[in-house]
């Protein structure tokens, strides 16, 4: 199993649009065969911050995720364009 945690910070005026995009990413990603879990959280103290928690079966599942139509549309051409900051950590569970 591989875990990936991605954090995004967006401008206040983009927060609602970011939330809508990330809901779509979550829902579409959960249908992928190699995805074990995919969750999105919105910061309570700072609603402009979002955290994604993703579990994949293996490295091949992560690679397949990055090649999906919804990843290109919603992540590459969506949330990443809105993001002021992005930080990701990927690795096996301890």
PDB file of N, CA and C in Angstrom:
ATOM      1  N   UNK A   1       0.846  -1.183   0.000  1.00  0.00           N
ATOM      2  CA  UNK A   1       0.000   0.000   0.000  1.00  0.00           C
ATOM      3  C   UNK A   1       0.888   1.241   0.000  1.00  0.00           C
ATOM      4  N   UNK A   2       0.433   2.270  -0.678  1.00  0.00           N
ATOM      5  CA  UNK A   2       1.100   3.563  -0.726  1.00  0.00           C
ATOM      6  C   UNK A   2       0.108   4.626  -0.256  1.00  0.00           C
ATOM      7  N   UNK A   3       0.563   5.505   0.621  1.00  0.00           N
ATOM      8  CA  UNK A   3      -0.262   6.607   1.116  1.00  0.00           C
ATOM      9  C   UNK A   3       0.270   7.904   0.532  1.00  0.00           C
ATOM     10  N   UNK A   4      -0.651   8.757   0.145  1.00  0.00           N
ATOM     11  CA  UNK A   4      -0.274  10.082  -0.346  1.00  0.00           C
ATOM     12  C   UNK A   4      -1.127  11.109   0.382  1.00  0.00           C
ATOM     13  N   UNK A   5      -0.469  12.141   0.866  1.00  0.00           N
ATOM     14  CA  UNK A   5      -1.162  13.251   1.506  1.00  0.00           C
ATOM     15  C   UNK A   5      -0.792  14.518   0.745  1.00  0.00           C
ATOM     16  N   UNK A   6      -1.810  15.228   0.282  1.00  0.00           N
ATOM     17  CA  UNK A   6      -1.581  16.451  -0.486  1.00  0.00           C
ATOM     18  C   UNK A   6      -2.338  17.587   0.190  1.00  0.00           C
ATOM     19  N   UNK A   7      -1.651  18.702   0.376  1.00  0.00           N
ATOM     20  CA  UNK A   7      -2.267  19.874   0.997  1.00  0.00           C
ATOM     21  C   UNK A   7      -2.239  21.028   0.006  1.00  0.00           C
ATOM     22  N   UNK A   8      -3.381  21.692  -0.128  1.00  0.00           N
ATOM     23  CA  UNK A   8      -3.503  22.851  -1.000  1.00  0.00           C
ATOM     24  C   UNK A   8      -3.971  24.044  -0.183  1.00  0.00           C
ATOM     25  N   UNK A   9      -3.434  25.223  -0.513  1.00  0.00           N
ATOM     26  CA  UNK A   9      -3.937  26.485   0.013  1.00  0.00           C
ATOM     27  C   UNK A   9      -4.343  27.324  -1.185  1.00  0.00           C
ATOM     28  N   UNK A  10      -5.558  27.870  -1.119  1.00  0.00           N
ATOM     29  CA  UNK A  10      -6.069  28.705  -2.208  1.00  0.00           C
ATOM     30  C   UNK A  10      -6.436  30.076  -1.654  1.00  0.00           C
ATOM     31  N   UNK A  11      -6.634  31.025  -2.549  1.00  0.00           N
ATOM     32  CA  UNK A  11      -7.083  32.356  -2.143  1.00  0.00           C
ATOM     33  C   UNK A  11      -8.513  32.268  -1.615  1.00  0.00           C
ATOM     34  N   UNK A  12      -8.869  33.128  -0.667  1.00  0.00           N
ATOM     35  CA  UNK A  12     -10.224  33.096  -0.101  1.00  0.00           C
ATOM     36  C   UNK A  12     -11.321  33.136  -1.164  1.00  0.00           C
ATOM     37  N   UNK A  13     -11.126  33.906  -2.200  1.00  0.00           N
ATOM     38  CA  UNK A  13     -12.155  34.019  -3.237  1.00  0.00           C
ATOM     39  C   UNK A  13     -12.273  32.758  -4.101  1.00  0.00           C
ATOM     40  N   UNK A  14     -11.293  31.852  -4.008  1.00  0.00           N
ATOM     41  CA  UNK A  14     -11.314  30.609  -4.777  1.00  0.00           C
ATOM     42  C   UNK A  14     -11.704  29.385  -3.945  1.00  0.00           C
ATOM     43  N   UNK A  15     -11.947  29.576  -2.655  1.00  0.00           N
ATOM     44  CA  UNK A  15     -12.154  28.442  -1.747  1.00  0.00           C
ATOM     45  C   UNK A  15     -13.391  27.613  -2.097  1.00  0.00           C
ATOM     46  N   UNK A  16     -14.484  28.233  -2.440  1.00  0.00           N
ATOM     47  CA  UNK A  16     -15.700  27.470  -2.768  1.00  0.00           C
ATOM     48  C   UNK A  16     -15.521  26.688  -4.069  1.00  0.00           C
ATOM     49  N   UNK A  17     -14.883  27.306  -5.046  1.00  0.00           N
ATOM     50  CA  UNK A  17     -14.606  26.616  -6.299  1.00  0.00           C
ATOM     51  C   UNK A  17     -13.657  25.440  -6.048  1.00  0.00           C
ATOM     52  N   UNK A  18     -12.636  25.643  -5.210  1.00  0.00           N
ATOM     53  CA  UNK A  18     -11.696  24.567  -4.873  1.00  0.00           C
ATOM     54  C   UNK A  18     -12.424  23.413  -4.193  1.00  0.00           C
ATOM     55  N   UNK A  19     -13.323  23.720  -3.278  1.00  0.00           N
ATOM     56  CA  UNK A  19     -14.084  22.678  -2.582  1.00  0.00           C
ATOM     57  C   UNK A  19     -14.913  21.866  -3.583  1.00  0.00           C
ATOM     58  N   UNK A  20     -15.536  22.530  -4.521  1.00  0.00           N
ATOM     59  CA  UNK A  20     -16.347  21.832  -5.516  1.00  0.00           C
ATOM     60  C   UNK A  20     -15.480  20.936  -6.395  1.00  0.00           C
ATOM     61  N   UNK A  21     -14.329  21.426  -6.813  1.00  0.00           N
ATOM     62  CA  UNK A  21     -13.409  20.631  -7.627  1.00  0.00           C
ATOM     63  C   UNK A  21     -12.937  19.409  -6.850  1.00  0.00           C
ATOM     64  N   UNK A  22     -12.553  19.612  -5.600  1.00  0.00           N
ATOM     65  CA  UNK A  22     -12.010  18.500  -4.809  1.00  0.00           C
ATOM     66  C   UNK A  22     -13.073  17.455  -4.484  1.00  0.00           C
ATOM     67  N   UNK A  23     -14.317  17.839  -4.351  1.00  0.00           N
ATOM     68  CA  UNK A  23     -15.403  16.850  -4.197  1.00  0.00           C
ATOM     69  C   UNK A  23     -15.489  15.971  -5.449  1.00  0.00           C
ATOM     70  N   UNK A  24     -15.375  16.596  -6.615  1.00  0.00           N
ATOM     71  CA  UNK A  24     -15.415  15.839  -7.869  1.00  0.00           C
ATOM     72  C   UNK A  24     -14.205  14.909  -7.989  1.00  0.00           C
ATOM     73  N   UNK A  25     -13.027  15.409  -7.608  1.00  0.00           N
ATOM     74  CA  UNK A  25     -11.818  14.571  -7.636  1.00  0.00           C
ATOM     75  C   UNK A  25     -12.013  13.360  -6.729  1.00  0.00           C
ATOM     76  N   UNK A  26     -12.504  13.597  -5.520  1.00  0.00           N
ATOM     77  CA  UNK A  26     -12.735  12.514  -4.560  1.00  0.00           C
ATOM     78  C   UNK A  26     -13.689  11.473  -5.129  1.00  0.00           C
ATOM     79  N   UNK A  27     -14.817  11.918  -5.620  1.00  0.00           N
ATOM     80  CA  UNK A  27     -15.832  10.990  -6.108  1.00  0.00           C
ATOM     81  C   UNK A  27     -15.339  10.176  -7.300  1.00  0.00           C
ATOM     82  N   UNK A  28     -14.666  10.822  -8.231  1.00  0.00           N
ATOM     83  CA  UNK A  28     -14.150  10.111  -9.408  1.00  0.00           C
ATOM     84  C   UNK A  28     -13.015   9.163  -9.024  1.00  0.00           C
ATOM     85  N   UNK A  29     -12.145   9.599  -8.134  1.00  0.00           N
ATOM     86  CA  UNK A  29     -10.992   8.778  -7.746  1.00  0.00           C
ATOM     87  C   UNK A  29     -11.412   7.520  -7.007  1.00  0.00           C
ATOM     88  N   UNK A  30     -12.461   7.604  -6.240  1.00  0.00           N
ATOM     89  CA  UNK A  30     -12.946   6.437  -5.497  1.00  0.00           C
ATOM     90  C   UNK A  30     -13.418   5.304  -6.410  1.00  0.00           C
ATOM     91  N   UNK A  31     -13.682   5.598  -7.669  1.00  0.00           N
ATOM     92  CA  UNK A  31     -14.138   4.564  -8.604  1.00  0.00           C
ATOM     93  C   UNK A  31     -12.971   3.819  -9.257  1.00  0.00           C
ATOM     94  N   UNK A  32     -11.750   4.292  -9.069  1.00  0.00           N
ATOM     95  CA  UNK A  32     -10.590   3.665  -9.692  1.00  0.00           C
ATOM     96  C   UNK A  32     -10.268   2.341  -8.980  1.00  0.00           C
ATOM     97  N   UNK A  33      -9.930   1.303  -9.742  1.00  0.00           N
ATOM     98  CA  UNK A  33      -9.698  -0.011  -9.131  1.00  0.00           C
ATOM     99  C   UNK A  33      -8.533  -0.068  -8.141  1.00  0.00           C
ATOM    100  N   UNK A  34      -7.506   0.745  -8.317  1.00  0.00           N
ATOM    101  CA  UNK A  34      -6.349   0.696  -7.420  1.00  0.00           C
ATOM    102  C   UNK A  34      -6.425   1.619  -6.226  1.00  0.00           C
ATOM    103  N   UNK A  35      -7.527   2.369  -6.103  1.00  0.00           N
ATOM    104  CA  UNK A  35      -7.705   3.300  -4.985  1.00  0.00           C
ATOM    105  C   UNK A  35      -8.393   2.576  -3.841  1.00  0.00           C
ATOM    106  N   UNK A  36      -7.739   2.559  -2.681  1.00  0.00           N
ATOM    107  CA  UNK A  36      -8.298   1.943  -1.479  1.00  0.00           C
ATOM    108  C   UNK A  36      -9.166   2.947  -0.728  1.00  0.00           C
ATOM    109  N   UNK A  37      -8.652   4.183  -0.604  1.00  0.00           N
ATOM    110  CA  UNK A  37      -9.391   5.243   0.093  1.00  0.00           C
ATOM    111  C   UNK A  37      -8.995   6.582  -0.502  1.00  0.00           C
ATOM    112  N   UNK A  38      -9.936   7.506  -0.473  1.00  0.00           N
ATOM    113  CA  UNK A  38      -9.661   8.859  -0.972  1.00  0.00           C
ATOM    114  C   UNK A  38     -10.569   9.802  -0.201  1.00  0.00           C
ATOM    115  N   UNK A  39      -9.985  10.635   0.638  1.00  0.00           N
ATOM    116  CA  UNK A  39     -10.742  11.562   1.484  1.00  0.00           C
ATOM    117  C   UNK A  39     -10.239  12.986   1.269  1.00  0.00           C
ATOM    118  N   UNK A  40     -11.125  13.945   1.429  1.00  0.00           N
ATOM    119  CA  UNK A  40     -10.767  15.360   1.327  1.00  0.00           C
ATOM    120  C   UNK A  40     -11.292  16.062   2.577  1.00  0.00           C
ATOM    121  N   UNK A  41     -10.439  16.889   3.173  1.00  0.00           N
ATOM    122  CA  UNK A  41     -10.846  17.678   4.345  1.00  0.00           C
ATOM    123  C   UNK A  41     -10.616  19.155   4.050  1.00  0.00           C
ATOM    124  N   UNK A  42     -11.455  19.967   4.653  1.00  0.00           N
ATOM    125  CA  UNK A  42     -11.306  21.424   4.562  1.00  0.00           C
ATOM    126  C   UNK A  42     -10.975  21.940   5.943  1.00  0.00           C
ATOM    127  N   UNK A  43      -9.991  22.812   6.033  1.00  0.00           N
ATOM    128  CA  UNK A  43      -9.562  23.327   7.327  1.00  0.00           C
ATOM    129  C   UNK A  43     -10.674  24.050   8.061  1.00  0.00           C
ATOM    130  N   UNK A  44     -10.796  23.796   9.354  1.00  0.00           N
ATOM    131  CA  UNK A  44     -11.803  24.500  10.148  1.00  0.00           C
ATOM    132  C   UNK A  44     -11.284  25.867  10.583  1.00  0.00           C
ATOM    133  N   UNK A  45      -9.998  25.953  10.881  1.00  0.00           N
ATOM    134  CA  UNK A  45      -9.417  27.241  11.268  1.00  0.00           C
ATOM    135  C   UNK A  45      -9.138  28.115  10.054  1.00  0.00           C
ATOM    136  N   UNK A  46      -8.759  27.479   8.948  1.00  0.00           N
ATOM    137  CA  UNK A  46      -8.514  28.206   7.712  1.00  0.00           C
ATOM    138  C   UNK A  46      -9.239  27.479   6.583  1.00  0.00           C
ATOM    139  N   UNK A  47     -10.423  27.933   6.225  1.00  0.00           N
ATOM    140  CA  UNK A  47     -11.215  27.243   5.196  1.00  0.00           C
ATOM    141  C   UNK A  47     -10.642  27.358   3.784  1.00  0.00           C
ATOM    142  N   UNK A  48      -9.504  28.001   3.654  1.00  0.00           N
ATOM    143  CA  UNK A  48      -8.819  28.090   2.360  1.00  0.00           C
ATOM    144  C   UNK A  48      -7.779  26.981   2.211  1.00  0.00           C
ATOM    145  N   UNK A  49      -7.667  26.129   3.217  1.00  0.00           N
ATOM    146  CA  UNK A  49      -6.724  25.011   3.195  1.00  0.00           C
ATOM    147  C   UNK A  49      -7.489  23.705   3.046  1.00  0.00           C
ATOM    148  N   UNK A  50      -6.961  22.832   2.211  1.00  0.00           N
ATOM    149  CA  UNK A  50      -7.568  21.531   1.950  1.00  0.00           C
ATOM    150  C   UNK A  50      -6.502  20.455   2.084  1.00  0.00           C
ATOM    151  N   UNK A  51      -6.902  19.316   2.622  1.00  0.00           N
ATOM    152  CA  UNK A  51      -5.997  18.183   2.763  1.00  0.00           C
ATOM    153  C   UNK A  51      -6.626  16.960   2.116  1.00  0.00           C
ATOM    154  N   UNK A  52      -5.855  16.279   1.287  1.00  0.00           N
ATOM    155  CA  UNK A  52      -6.294  15.042   0.654  1.00  0.00           C
ATOM    156  C   UNK A  52      -5.540  13.887   1.285  1.00  0.00           C
ATOM    157  N   UNK A  53      -6.257  12.832   1.629  1.00  0.00           N
ATOM    158  CA  UNK A  53      -5.658  11.605   2.148  1.00  0.00           C
ATOM    159  C   UNK A  53      -6.016  10.510   1.155  1.00  0.00           C
ATOM    160  N   UNK A  54      -4.982   9.911   0.565  1.00  0.00           N
ATOM    161  CA  UNK A  54      -5.192   8.931  -0.494  1.00  0.00           C
ATOM    162  C   UNK A  54      -4.445   7.645  -0.172  1.00  0.00           C
ATOM    163  N   UNK A  55      -5.096   6.511  -0.335  1.00  0.00           N
ATOM    164  CA  UNK A  55      -4.456   5.199  -0.191  1.00  0.00           C
ATOM    165  C   UNK A  55      -4.583   4.465  -1.515  1.00  0.00           C
ATOM    166  N   UNK A  56      -3.448   3.961  -1.977  1.00  0.00           N
ATOM    167  CA  UNK A  56      -3.402   3.224  -3.239  1.00  0.00           C
ATOM    168  C   UNK A  56      -2.881   1.814  -3.007  1.00  0.00           C
ATOM    169  N   UNK A  57      -3.313   0.898  -3.850  1.00  0.00           N
ATOM    170  CA  UNK A  57      -2.883  -0.493  -3.762  1.00  0.00           C
ATOM    171  C   UNK A  57      -1.367  -0.608  -3.941  1.00  0.00           C
ATOM    172  N   UNK A  58      -0.821   0.137  -4.919  1.00  0.00           N
ATOM    173  CA  UNK A  58       0.616   0.063  -5.214  1.00  0.00           C
ATOM    174  C   UNK A  58       1.009   1.247  -6.088  1.00  0.00           C
ATOM    175  N   UNK A  59       2.284   1.279  -6.481  1.00  0.00           N
ATOM    176  CA  UNK A  59       2.783   2.368  -7.329  1.00  0.00           C
ATOM    177  C   UNK A  59       2.061   2.415  -8.675  1.00  0.00           C
ATOM    178  N   UNK A  60       1.706   1.258  -9.210  1.00  0.00           N
ATOM    179  CA  UNK A  60       0.993   1.217 -10.484  1.00  0.00           C
ATOM    180  C   UNK A  60      -0.358   1.925 -10.369  1.00  0.00           C
ATOM    181  N   UNK A  61      -1.003   1.815  -9.229  1.00  0.00           N
ATOM    182  CA  UNK A  61      -2.303   2.478  -9.023  1.00  0.00           C
ATOM    183  C   UNK A  61      -2.135   3.994  -8.987  1.00  0.00           C
ATOM    184  N   UNK A  62      -1.046   4.470  -8.387  1.00  0.00           N
ATOM    185  CA  UNK A  62      -0.777   5.915  -8.382  1.00  0.00           C
ATOM    186  C   UNK A  62      -0.531   6.391  -9.808  1.00  0.00           C
ATOM    187  N   UNK A  63       0.261   5.639 -10.559  1.00  0.00           N
ATOM    188  CA  UNK A  63       0.545   6.000 -11.953  1.00  0.00           C
ATOM    189  C   UNK A  63      -0.736   6.024 -12.779  1.00  0.00           C
ATOM    190  N   UNK A  64      -1.596   5.031 -12.579  1.00  0.00           N
ATOM    191  CA  UNK A  64      -2.864   4.974 -13.318  1.00  0.00           C
ATOM    192  C   UNK A  64      -3.753   6.163 -12.953  1.00  0.00           C
ATOM    193  N   UNK A  65      -3.772   6.531 -11.679  1.00  0.00           N
ATOM    194  CA  UNK A  65      -4.557   7.680 -11.222  1.00  0.00           C
ATOM    195  C   UNK A  65      -4.134   8.944 -11.965  1.00  0.00           C
ATOM    196  N   UNK A  66      -2.832   9.139 -12.106  1.00  0.00           N
ATOM    197  CA  UNK A  66      -2.313  10.326 -12.775  1.00  0.00           C
ATOM    198  C   UNK A  66      -2.593  10.375 -14.266  1.00  0.00           C
ATOM    199  N   UNK A  67      -3.043   9.272 -14.837  1.00  0.00           N
ATOM    200  CA  UNK A  67      -3.334   9.221 -16.269  1.00  0.00           C
ATOM    201  C   UNK A  67      -4.824   9.280 -16.583  1.00  0.00           C
ATOM    202  N   UNK A  68      -5.652   9.421 -15.555  1.00  0.00           N
ATOM    203  CA  UNK A  68      -7.095   9.452 -15.795  1.00  0.00           C
ATOM    204  C   UNK A  68      -7.530  10.801 -16.363  1.00  0.00           C
ATOM    205  N   UNK A  69      -8.644  10.773 -17.059  1.00  0.00           N
ATOM    206  CA  UNK A  69      -9.215  12.007 -17.613  1.00  0.00           C
ATOM    207  C   UNK A  69      -9.575  12.972 -16.496  1.00  0.00           C
ATOM    208  N   UNK A  70     -10.165  12.443 -15.419  1.00  0.00           N
ATOM    209  CA  UNK A  70     -10.579  13.345 -14.340  1.00  0.00           C
ATOM    210  C   UNK A  70      -9.387  13.965 -13.622  1.00  0.00           C
ATOM    211  N   UNK A  71      -8.260  13.272 -13.534  1.00  0.00           N
ATOM    212  CA  UNK A  71      -7.058  13.859 -12.923  1.00  0.00           C
ATOM    213  C   UNK A  71      -6.572  15.039 -13.766  1.00  0.00           C
ATOM    214  N   UNK A  72      -6.483  14.838 -15.051  1.00  0.00           N
ATOM    215  CA  UNK A  72      -6.035  15.914 -15.955  1.00  0.00           C
ATOM    216  C   UNK A  72      -6.980  17.114 -15.873  1.00  0.00           C
ATOM    217  N   UNK A  73      -8.261  16.845 -15.941  1.00  0.00           N
ATOM    218  CA  UNK A  73      -9.261  17.913 -15.961  1.00  0.00           C
ATOM    219  C   UNK A  73      -9.388  18.631 -14.624  1.00  0.00           C
ATOM    220  N   UNK A  74      -9.506  17.867 -13.542  1.00  0.00           N
ATOM    221  CA  UNK A  74      -9.815  18.460 -12.240  1.00  0.00           C
ATOM    222  C   UNK A  74      -8.593  18.831 -11.408  1.00  0.00           C
ATOM    223  N   UNK A  75      -7.514  18.072 -11.562  1.00  0.00           N
ATOM    224  CA  UNK A  75      -6.312  18.356 -10.766  1.00  0.00           C
ATOM    225  C   UNK A  75      -5.357  19.253 -11.553  1.00  0.00           C
ATOM    226  N   UNK A  76      -4.848  18.740 -12.670  1.00  0.00           N
ATOM    227  CA  UNK A  76      -3.859  19.497 -13.438  1.00  0.00           C
ATOM    228  C   UNK A  76      -4.425  20.826 -13.933  1.00  0.00           C
ATOM    229  N   UNK A  77      -5.617  20.788 -14.523  1.00  0.00           N
ATOM    230  CA  UNK A  77      -6.214  22.006 -15.079  1.00  0.00           C
ATOM    231  C   UNK A  77      -7.237  22.657 -14.162  1.00  0.00           C
ATOM    232  N   UNK A  78      -7.363  22.145 -12.944  1.00  0.00           N
ATOM    233  CA  UNK A  78      -8.339  22.671 -11.991  1.00  0.00           C
ATOM    234  C   UNK A  78      -7.679  23.188 -10.728  1.00  0.00           C
ATOM    235  N   UNK A  79      -7.576  22.319  -9.734  1.00  0.00           N
ATOM    236  CA  UNK A  79      -7.113  22.742  -8.413  1.00  0.00           C
ATOM    237  C   UNK A  79      -5.678  23.263  -8.434  1.00  0.00           C
ATOM    238  N   UNK A  80      -4.813  22.662  -9.231  1.00  0.00           N
ATOM    239  CA  UNK A  80      -3.423  23.140  -9.257  1.00  0.00           C
ATOM    240  C   UNK A  80      -3.314  24.560  -9.794  1.00  0.00           C
ATOM    241  N   UNK A  81      -4.213  24.949 -10.668  1.00  0.00           N
ATOM    242  CA  UNK A  81      -4.197  26.316 -11.191  1.00  0.00           C
ATOM    243  C   UNK A  81      -4.714  27.319 -10.156  1.00  0.00           C
ATOM    244  N   UNK A  82      -5.567  26.851  -9.251  1.00  0.00           N
ATOM    245  CA  UNK A  82      -6.075  27.729  -8.195  1.00  0.00           C
ATOM    246  C   UNK A  82      -5.130  27.814  -7.003  1.00  0.00           C
ATOM    247  N   UNK A  83      -4.310  26.799  -6.833  1.00  0.00           N
ATOM    248  CA  UNK A  83      -3.492  26.681  -5.629  1.00  0.00           C
ATOM    249  C   UNK A  83      -2.422  27.765  -5.525  1.00  0.00           C
ATOM    250  N   UNK A  84      -2.347  28.363  -4.351  1.00  0.00           N
ATOM    251  CA  UNK A  84      -1.247  29.267  -4.038  1.00  0.00           C
ATOM    252  C   UNK A  84      -0.068  28.460  -3.507  1.00  0.00           C
ATOM    253  N   UNK A  85      -0.391  27.377  -2.804  1.00  0.00           N
ATOM    254  CA  UNK A  85       0.630  26.479  -2.262  1.00  0.00           C
ATOM    255  C   UNK A  85       0.144  25.043  -2.421  1.00  0.00           C
ATOM    256  N   UNK A  86       1.110  24.147  -2.622  1.00  0.00           N
ATOM    257  CA  UNK A  86       0.822  22.712  -2.698  1.00  0.00           C
ATOM    258  C   UNK A  86       1.980  21.981  -2.057  1.00  0.00           C
ATOM    259  N   UNK A  87       1.644  21.005  -1.216  1.00  0.00           N
ATOM    260  CA  UNK A  87       2.667  20.176  -0.580  1.00  0.00           C
ATOM    261  C   UNK A  87       2.173  18.740  -0.566  1.00  0.00           C
ATOM    262  N   UNK A  88       3.022  17.813  -1.023  1.00  0.00           N
ATOM    263  CA  UNK A  88       2.627  16.399  -1.068  1.00  0.00           C
ATOM    264  C   UNK A  88       3.678  15.536  -0.409  1.00  0.00           C
ATOM    265  N   UNK A  89       3.203  14.492   0.262  1.00  0.00           N
ATOM    266  CA  UNK A  89       4.066  13.462   0.851  1.00  0.00           C
ATOM    267  C   UNK A  89       3.516  12.122   0.392  1.00  0.00           C
ATOM    268  N   UNK A  90       4.398  11.284  -0.154  1.00  0.00           N
ATOM    269  CA  UNK A  90       4.002   9.969  -0.653  1.00  0.00           C
ATOM    270  C   UNK A  90       4.935   8.917  -0.085  1.00  0.00           C
ATOM    271  N   UNK A  91       4.381   7.817   0.413  1.00  0.00           N
ATOM    272  CA  UNK A  91       5.227   6.745   0.919  1.00  0.00           C
ATOM    273  C   UNK A  91       4.418   5.607   1.492  1.00  0.00           C
ATOM    274  N   UNK A  92       5.124   4.524   1.845  1.00  0.00           N
ATOM    275  CA  UNK A  92       4.430   3.377   2.452  1.00  0.00           C
ATOM    276  C   UNK A  92       4.066   3.663   3.888  1.00  0.00           C
ATOM    277  N   UNK A  93       3.031   2.987   4.396  1.00  0.00           N
ATOM    278  CA  UNK A  93       2.690   3.180   5.814  1.00  0.00           C
ATOM    279  C   UNK A  93       3.816   2.654   6.700  1.00  0.00           C
ATOM    280  N   UNK A  94       3.941   3.228   7.869  1.00  0.00           N
ATOM    281  CA  UNK A  94       4.969   2.777   8.815  1.00  0.00           C
ATOM    282  C   UNK A  94       4.565   1.491   9.489  1.00  0.00           C
TER     283      UNK A  94
END
